[in-house]
Amino acid sequence: MEEKARVIIAPHKTKKEIMLWNDLVRKYDANETKYIEDLDWVDRCIETQTFEKTVHRKKNMGGRKPGAK
């Protein structure tokens, strides 16, 4: 079903759910036609009467910048 879906709604509260969530976001990050959203997104869409994709920002891994000494 995941392949046919335009929006994949997944919880991300527990450690296991967060791992699945992160895998889905990585898998579909570059996909312009498939969106990963949390359960709260449904409520926001209903309240605002809009259908907007959430922008998932990548976290910096930290550490030194390439080429830095």
PDB file of N, CA and C in Angstrom:
ATOM      1  N   MET A   1       0.814  -1.201   0.000  1.00  0.00           N
ATOM      2  CA  MET A   1       0.000   0.000   0.000  1.00  0.00           C
ATOM      3  C   MET A   1       0.859   1.268   0.000  1.00  0.00           C
ATOM      4  N   GLU A   2       2.018   1.189   0.620  1.00  0.00           N
ATOM      5  CA  GLU A   2       2.895   2.354   0.730  1.00  0.00           C
ATOM      6  C   GLU A   2       3.255   2.916  -0.640  1.00  0.00           C
ATOM      7  N   GLU A   3       3.457   2.034  -1.628  1.00  0.00           N
ATOM      8  CA  GLU A   3       3.858   2.476  -2.959  1.00  0.00           C
ATOM      9  C   GLU A   3       2.766   3.297  -3.647  1.00  0.00           C
ATOM     10  N   LYS A   4       1.501   2.993  -3.373  1.00  0.00           N
ATOM     11  CA  LYS A   4       0.388   3.670  -4.028  1.00  0.00           C
ATOM     12  C   LYS A   4      -0.053   4.949  -3.320  1.00  0.00           C
ATOM     13  N   ALA A   5       0.370   5.110  -2.077  1.00  0.00           N
ATOM     14  CA  ALA A   5      -0.087   6.240  -1.265  1.00  0.00           C
ATOM     15  C   ALA A   5       0.572   7.552  -1.693  1.00  0.00           C
ATOM     16  N   ARG A   6      -0.183   8.632  -1.620  1.00  0.00           N
ATOM     17  CA  ARG A   6       0.385   9.969  -1.838  1.00  0.00           C
ATOM     18  C   ARG A   6       0.897  10.531  -0.511  1.00  0.00           C
ATOM     19  N   VAL A   7       0.165  10.240   0.565  1.00  0.00           N
ATOM     20  CA  VAL A   7       0.553  10.680   1.906  1.00  0.00           C
ATOM     21  C   VAL A   7       0.652   9.447   2.790  1.00  0.00           C
ATOM     22  N   ILE A   8       1.789   9.309   3.458  1.00  0.00           N
ATOM     23  CA  ILE A   8       1.967   8.229   4.423  1.00  0.00           C
ATOM     24  C   ILE A   8       1.895   8.864   5.799  1.00  0.00           C
ATOM     25  N   ILE A   9       0.921   8.437   6.586  1.00  0.00           N
ATOM     26  CA  ILE A   9       0.722   8.977   7.928  1.00  0.00           C
ATOM     27  C   ILE A   9       1.276   7.962   8.914  1.00  0.00           C
ATOM     28  N   ALA A  10       2.246   8.416   9.701  1.00  0.00           N
ATOM     29  CA  ALA A  10       2.907   7.515  10.630  1.00  0.00           C
ATOM     30  C   ALA A  10       3.118   8.205  11.974  1.00  0.00           C
ATOM     31  N   PRO A  11       2.872   7.476  13.062  1.00  0.00           N
ATOM     32  CA  PRO A  11       3.153   8.056  14.385  1.00  0.00           C
ATOM     33  C   PRO A  11       4.652   8.084  14.631  1.00  0.00           C
ATOM     34  N   HIS A  12       5.082   8.963  15.498  1.00  0.00           N
ATOM     35  CA  HIS A  12       6.493   8.955  15.895  1.00  0.00           C
ATOM     36  C   HIS A  12       6.640   9.450  17.326  1.00  0.00           C
ATOM     37  N   LYS A  13       6.086   8.642  18.229  1.00  0.00           N
ATOM     38  CA  LYS A  13       6.146   8.956  19.661  1.00  0.00           C
ATOM     39  C   LYS A  13       7.127   8.033  20.384  1.00  0.00           C
ATOM     40  N   THR A  14       7.061   6.728  20.109  1.00  0.00           N
ATOM     41  CA  THR A  14       7.943   5.776  20.785  1.00  0.00           C
ATOM     42  C   THR A  14       9.259   5.661  20.017  1.00  0.00           C
ATOM     43  N   LYS A  15      10.243   5.055  20.641  1.00  0.00           N
ATOM     44  CA  LYS A  15      11.559   4.893  20.010  1.00  0.00           C
ATOM     45  C   LYS A  15      11.445   4.089  18.709  1.00  0.00           C
ATOM     46  N   LYS A  16      10.651   3.030  18.722  1.00  0.00           N
ATOM     47  CA  LYS A  16      10.461   2.193  17.533  1.00  0.00           C
ATOM     48  C   LYS A  16       9.772   2.981  16.419  1.00  0.00           C
ATOM     49  N   GLU A  17       8.755   3.773  16.776  1.00  0.00           N
ATOM     50  CA  GLU A  17       8.047   4.591  15.789  1.00  0.00           C
ATOM     51  C   GLU A  17       8.964   5.664  15.200  1.00  0.00           C
ATOM     52  N   ILE A  18       9.826   6.236  16.037  1.00  0.00           N
ATOM     53  CA  ILE A  18      10.764   7.260  15.561  1.00  0.00           C
ATOM     54  C   ILE A  18      11.736   6.663  14.553  1.00  0.00           C
ATOM     55  N   MET A  19      12.204   5.449  14.796  1.00  0.00           N
ATOM     56  CA  MET A  19      13.110   4.788  13.860  1.00  0.00           C
ATOM     57  C   MET A  19      12.412   4.554  12.519  1.00  0.00           C
ATOM     58  N   LEU A  20      11.175   4.065  12.553  1.00  0.00           N
ATOM     59  CA  LEU A  20      10.402   3.860  11.328  1.00  0.00           C
ATOM     60  C   LEU A  20      10.163   5.188  10.615  1.00  0.00           C
ATOM     61  N   TRP A  21       9.793   6.218  11.387  1.00  0.00           N
ATOM     62  CA  TRP A  21       9.555   7.559  10.842  1.00  0.00           C
ATOM     63  C   TRP A  21      10.791   8.062  10.097  1.00  0.00           C
ATOM     64  N   ASN A  22      11.956   7.978  10.740  1.00  0.00           N
ATOM     65  CA  ASN A  22      13.199   8.448  10.127  1.00  0.00           C
ATOM     66  C   ASN A  22      13.517   7.680   8.849  1.00  0.00           C
ATOM     67  N   ASP A  23      13.263   6.372   8.845  1.00  0.00           N
ATOM     68  CA  ASP A  23      13.484   5.569   7.638  1.00  0.00           C
ATOM     69  C   ASP A  23      12.565   6.028   6.503  1.00  0.00           C
ATOM     70  N   LEU A  24      11.303   6.297   6.813  1.00  0.00           N
ATOM     71  CA  LEU A  24      10.350   6.754   5.793  1.00  0.00           C
ATOM     72  C   LEU A  24      10.742   8.128   5.244  1.00  0.00           C
ATOM     73  N   VAL A  25      11.134   9.032   6.132  1.00  0.00           N
ATOM     74  CA  VAL A  25      11.531  10.376   5.694  1.00  0.00           C
ATOM     75  C   VAL A  25      12.750  10.274   4.774  1.00  0.00           C
ATOM     76  N   ARG A  26      13.743   9.455   5.152  1.00  0.00           N
ATOM     77  CA  ARG A  26      14.932   9.281   4.296  1.00  0.00           C
ATOM     78  C   ARG A  26      14.550   8.665   2.952  1.00  0.00           C
ATOM     79  N   LYS A  27      13.669   7.676   2.976  1.00  0.00           N
ATOM     80  CA  LYS A  27      13.275   6.953   1.760  1.00  0.00           C
ATOM     81  C   LYS A  27      12.584   7.872   0.759  1.00  0.00           C
ATOM     82  N   TYR A  28      11.732   8.766   1.256  1.00  0.00           N
ATOM     83  CA  TYR A  28      10.913   9.591   0.363  1.00  0.00           C
ATOM     84  C   TYR A  28      11.303  11.065   0.366  1.00  0.00           C
ATOM     85  N   ASP A  29      12.467  11.395   0.915  1.00  0.00           N
ATOM     86  CA  ASP A  29      12.897  12.783   1.032  1.00  0.00           C
ATOM     87  C   ASP A  29      12.921  13.508  -0.313  1.00  0.00           C
ATOM     88  N   ALA A  30      13.420  12.868  -1.337  1.00  0.00           N
ATOM     89  CA  ALA A  30      13.552  13.508  -2.648  1.00  0.00           C
ATOM     90  C   ALA A  30      12.311  13.326  -3.519  1.00  0.00           C
ATOM     91  N   ASN A  31      11.323  12.619  -3.036  1.00  0.00           N
ATOM     92  CA  ASN A  31      10.122  12.345  -3.812  1.00  0.00           C
ATOM     93  C   ASN A  31       9.172  13.532  -3.737  1.00  0.00           C
ATOM     94  N   GLU A  32       8.845  14.106  -4.865  1.00  0.00           N
ATOM     95  CA  GLU A  32       7.977  15.287  -4.911  1.00  0.00           C
ATOM     96  C   GLU A  32       6.491  14.940  -4.867  1.00  0.00           C
ATOM     97  N   THR A  33       6.142  13.661  -4.988  1.00  0.00           N
ATOM     98  CA  THR A  33       4.727  13.273  -5.041  1.00  0.00           C
ATOM     99  C   THR A  33       4.277  12.454  -3.838  1.00  0.00           C
ATOM    100  N   LYS A  34       5.180  12.157  -2.922  1.00  0.00           N
ATOM    101  CA  LYS A  34       4.836  11.350  -1.747  1.00  0.00           C
ATOM    102  C   LYS A  34       5.276  12.092  -0.500  1.00  0.00           C
ATOM    103  N   TYR A  35       4.403  12.165   0.495  1.00  0.00           N
ATOM    104  CA  TYR A  35       4.666  12.929   1.705  1.00  0.00           C
ATOM    105  C   TYR A  35       4.567  12.038   2.930  1.00  0.00           C
ATOM    106  N   ILE A  36       5.419  12.278   3.905  1.00  0.00           N
ATOM    107  CA  ILE A  36       5.375  11.592   5.193  1.00  0.00           C
ATOM    108  C   ILE A  36       4.867  12.609   6.202  1.00  0.00           C
ATOM    109  N   GLU A  37       3.801  12.265   6.893  1.00  0.00           N
ATOM    110  CA  GLU A  37       3.191  13.169   7.860  1.00  0.00           C
ATOM    111  C   GLU A  37       2.896  12.425   9.151  1.00  0.00           C
ATOM    112  N   ASP A  38       2.824  13.184  10.265  1.00  0.00           N
ATOM    113  CA  ASP A  38       2.480  12.583  11.553  1.00  0.00           C
ATOM    114  C   ASP A  38       0.963  12.636  11.759  1.00  0.00           C
ATOM    115  N   LEU A  39       0.508  11.999  12.825  1.00  0.00           N
ATOM    116  CA  LEU A  39      -0.923  11.947  13.101  1.00  0.00           C
ATOM    117  C   LEU A  39      -1.523  13.329  13.361  1.00  0.00           C
ATOM    118  N   ASP A  40      -0.741  14.225  13.961  1.00  0.00           N
ATOM    119  CA  ASP A  40      -1.232  15.575  14.237  1.00  0.00           C
ATOM    120  C   ASP A  40      -1.490  16.366  12.954  1.00  0.00           C
ATOM    121  N   TRP A  41      -0.841  15.996  11.872  1.00  0.00           N
ATOM    122  CA  TRP A  41      -1.001  16.665  10.586  1.00  0.00           C
ATOM    123  C   TRP A  41      -2.462  16.591  10.118  1.00  0.00           C
ATOM    124  N   VAL A  42      -3.094  15.456  10.353  1.00  0.00           N
ATOM    125  CA  VAL A  42      -4.498  15.292   9.951  1.00  0.00           C
ATOM    126  C   VAL A  42      -5.356  16.334  10.665  1.00  0.00           C
ATOM    127  N   ASP A  43      -5.163  16.492  11.963  1.00  0.00           N
ATOM    128  CA  ASP A  43      -5.920  17.488  12.732  1.00  0.00           C
ATOM    129  C   ASP A  43      -5.654  18.903  12.219  1.00  0.00           C
ATOM    130  N   ARG A  44      -4.377  19.210  11.917  1.00  0.00           N
ATOM    131  CA  ARG A  44      -4.043  20.544  11.398  1.00  0.00           C
ATOM    132  C   ARG A  44      -4.728  20.805  10.058  1.00  0.00           C
ATOM    133  N   CYS A  45      -4.762  19.805   9.195  1.00  0.00           N
ATOM    134  CA  CYS A  45      -5.425  19.960   7.893  1.00  0.00           C
ATOM    135  C   CYS A  45      -6.921  20.216   8.068  1.00  0.00           C
ATOM    136  N   ILE A  46      -7.536  19.504   8.979  1.00  0.00           N
ATOM    137  CA  ILE A  46      -8.970  19.681   9.220  1.00  0.00           C
ATOM    138  C   ILE A  46      -9.235  21.062   9.810  1.00  0.00           C
ATOM    139  N   GLU A  47      -8.433  21.460  10.797  1.00  0.00           N
ATOM    140  CA  GLU A  47      -8.630  22.764  11.444  1.00  0.00           C
ATOM    141  C   GLU A  47      -8.441  23.928  10.481  1.00  0.00           C
ATOM    142  N   THR A  48      -7.413  23.845   9.635  1.00  0.00           N
ATOM    143  CA  THR A  48      -7.108  24.952   8.725  1.00  0.00           C
ATOM    144  C   THR A  48      -7.782  24.793   7.375  1.00  0.00           C
ATOM    145  N   GLN A  49      -8.393  23.640   7.150  1.00  0.00           N
ATOM    146  CA  GLN A  49      -9.043  23.315   5.875  1.00  0.00           C
ATOM    147  C   GLN A  49      -8.073  23.466   4.706  1.00  0.00           C
ATOM    148  N   THR A  50      -6.837  23.023   4.935  1.00  0.00           N
ATOM    149  CA  THR A  50      -5.805  23.058   3.903  1.00  0.00           C
ATOM    150  C   THR A  50      -5.121  21.707   3.828  1.00  0.00           C
ATOM    151  N   PHE A  51      -4.422  21.491   2.723  1.00  0.00           N
ATOM    152  CA  PHE A  51      -3.643  20.276   2.520  1.00  0.00           C
ATOM    153  C   PHE A  51      -2.240  20.736   2.175  1.00  0.00           C
ATOM    154  N   GLU A  52      -1.389  20.857   3.199  1.00  0.00           N
ATOM    155  CA  GLU A  52      -0.036  21.361   2.990  1.00  0.00           C
ATOM    156  C   GLU A  52       0.992  20.350   3.471  1.00  0.00           C
ATOM    157  N   LYS A  53       2.016  20.184   2.661  1.00  0.00           N
ATOM    158  CA  LYS A  53       3.111  19.294   3.007  1.00  0.00           C
ATOM    159  C   LYS A  53       3.962  19.924   4.105  1.00  0.00           C
ATOM    160  N   THR A  54       4.349  19.112   5.074  1.00  0.00           N
ATOM    161  CA  THR A  54       5.262  19.558   6.121  1.00  0.00           C
ATOM    162  C   THR A  54       6.687  19.432   5.605  1.00  0.00           C
ATOM    163  N   VAL A  55       7.480  20.479   5.775  1.00  0.00           N
ATOM    164  CA  VAL A  55       8.876  20.437   5.359  1.00  0.00           C
ATOM    165  C   VAL A  55       9.677  19.791   6.484  1.00  0.00           C
ATOM    166  N   HIS A  56      10.344  18.698   6.171  1.00  0.00           N
ATOM    167  CA  HIS A  56      11.172  18.001   7.158  1.00  0.00           C
ATOM    168  C   HIS A  56      12.597  18.491   6.995  1.00  0.00           C
ATOM    169  N   ARG A  57      13.096  19.131   8.023  1.00  0.00           N
ATOM    170  CA  ARG A  57      14.457  19.666   7.973  1.00  0.00           C
ATOM    171  C   ARG A  57      15.443  18.623   8.468  1.00  0.00           C
ATOM    172  N   LYS A  58      16.533  18.508   7.736  1.00  0.00           N
ATOM    173  CA  LYS A  58      17.578  17.569   8.137  1.00  0.00           C
ATOM    174  C   LYS A  58      18.394  18.175   9.262  1.00  0.00           C
ATOM    175  N   LYS A  59      18.742  17.343  10.239  1.00  0.00           N
ATOM    176  CA  LYS A  59      19.553  17.803  11.356  1.00  0.00           C
ATOM    177  C   LYS A  59      21.027  17.672  11.006  1.00  0.00           C
ATOM    178  N   ASN A  60      21.804  18.652  11.437  1.00  0.00           N
ATOM    179  CA  ASN A  60      23.239  18.620  11.245  1.00  0.00           C
ATOM    180  C   ASN A  60      23.828  17.522  12.125  1.00  0.00           C
ATOM    181  N   MET A  61      24.767  16.786  11.562  1.00  0.00           N
ATOM    182  CA  MET A  61      25.392  15.700  12.308  1.00  0.00           C
ATOM    183  C   MET A  61      26.384  16.206  13.352  1.00  0.00           C
ATOM    184  N   GLY A  62      26.746  17.489  13.279  1.00  0.00           N
ATOM    185  CA  GLY A  62      27.698  18.041  14.229  1.00  0.00           C
ATOM    186  C   GLY A  62      29.127  17.744  13.813  1.00  0.00           C
ATOM    187  N   GLY A  63      30.047  18.066  14.655  1.00  0.00           N
ATOM    188  CA  GLY A  63      31.452  17.817  14.355  1.00  0.00           C
ATOM    189  C   GLY A  63      32.066  18.953  13.549  1.00  0.00           C
ATOM    190  N   ARG A  64      33.280  18.742  13.145  1.00  0.00           N
ATOM    191  CA  ARG A  64      34.009  19.764  12.385  1.00  0.00           C
ATOM    192  C   ARG A  64      33.504  19.855  10.954  1.00  0.00           C
ATOM    193  N   LYS A  65      33.613  21.032  10.402  1.00  0.00           N
ATOM    194  CA  LYS A  65      33.264  21.224   9.005  1.00  0.00           C
ATOM    195  C   LYS A  65      34.350  20.610   8.142  1.00  0.00           C
ATOM    196  N   PRO A  66      33.996  20.110   6.952  1.00  0.00           N
ATOM    197  CA  PRO A  66      35.006  19.525   6.069  1.00  0.00           C
ATOM    198  C   PRO A  66      36.124  20.528   5.793  1.00  0.00           C
ATOM    199  N   GLY A  67      37.352  20.079   5.912  1.00  0.00           N
ATOM    200  CA  GLY A  67      38.518  20.929   5.652  1.00  0.00           C
ATOM    201  C   GLY A  67      38.978  21.720   6.856  1.00  0.00           C
ATOM    202  N   ALA A  68      38.209  21.712   7.932  1.00  0.00           N
ATOM    203  CA  ALA A  68      38.603  22.452   9.140  1.00  0.00           C
ATOM    204  C   ALA A  68      39.689  21.689   9.889  1.00  0.00           C
ATOM    205  N   LYS A  69      40.572  22.434  10.555  1.00  0.00           N
ATOM    206  CA  LYS A  69      41.651  21.796  11.332  1.00  0.00           C
ATOM    207  C   LYS A  69      41.358  21.828  12.799  1.00  0.00           C
TER     208      LYS A  69
END
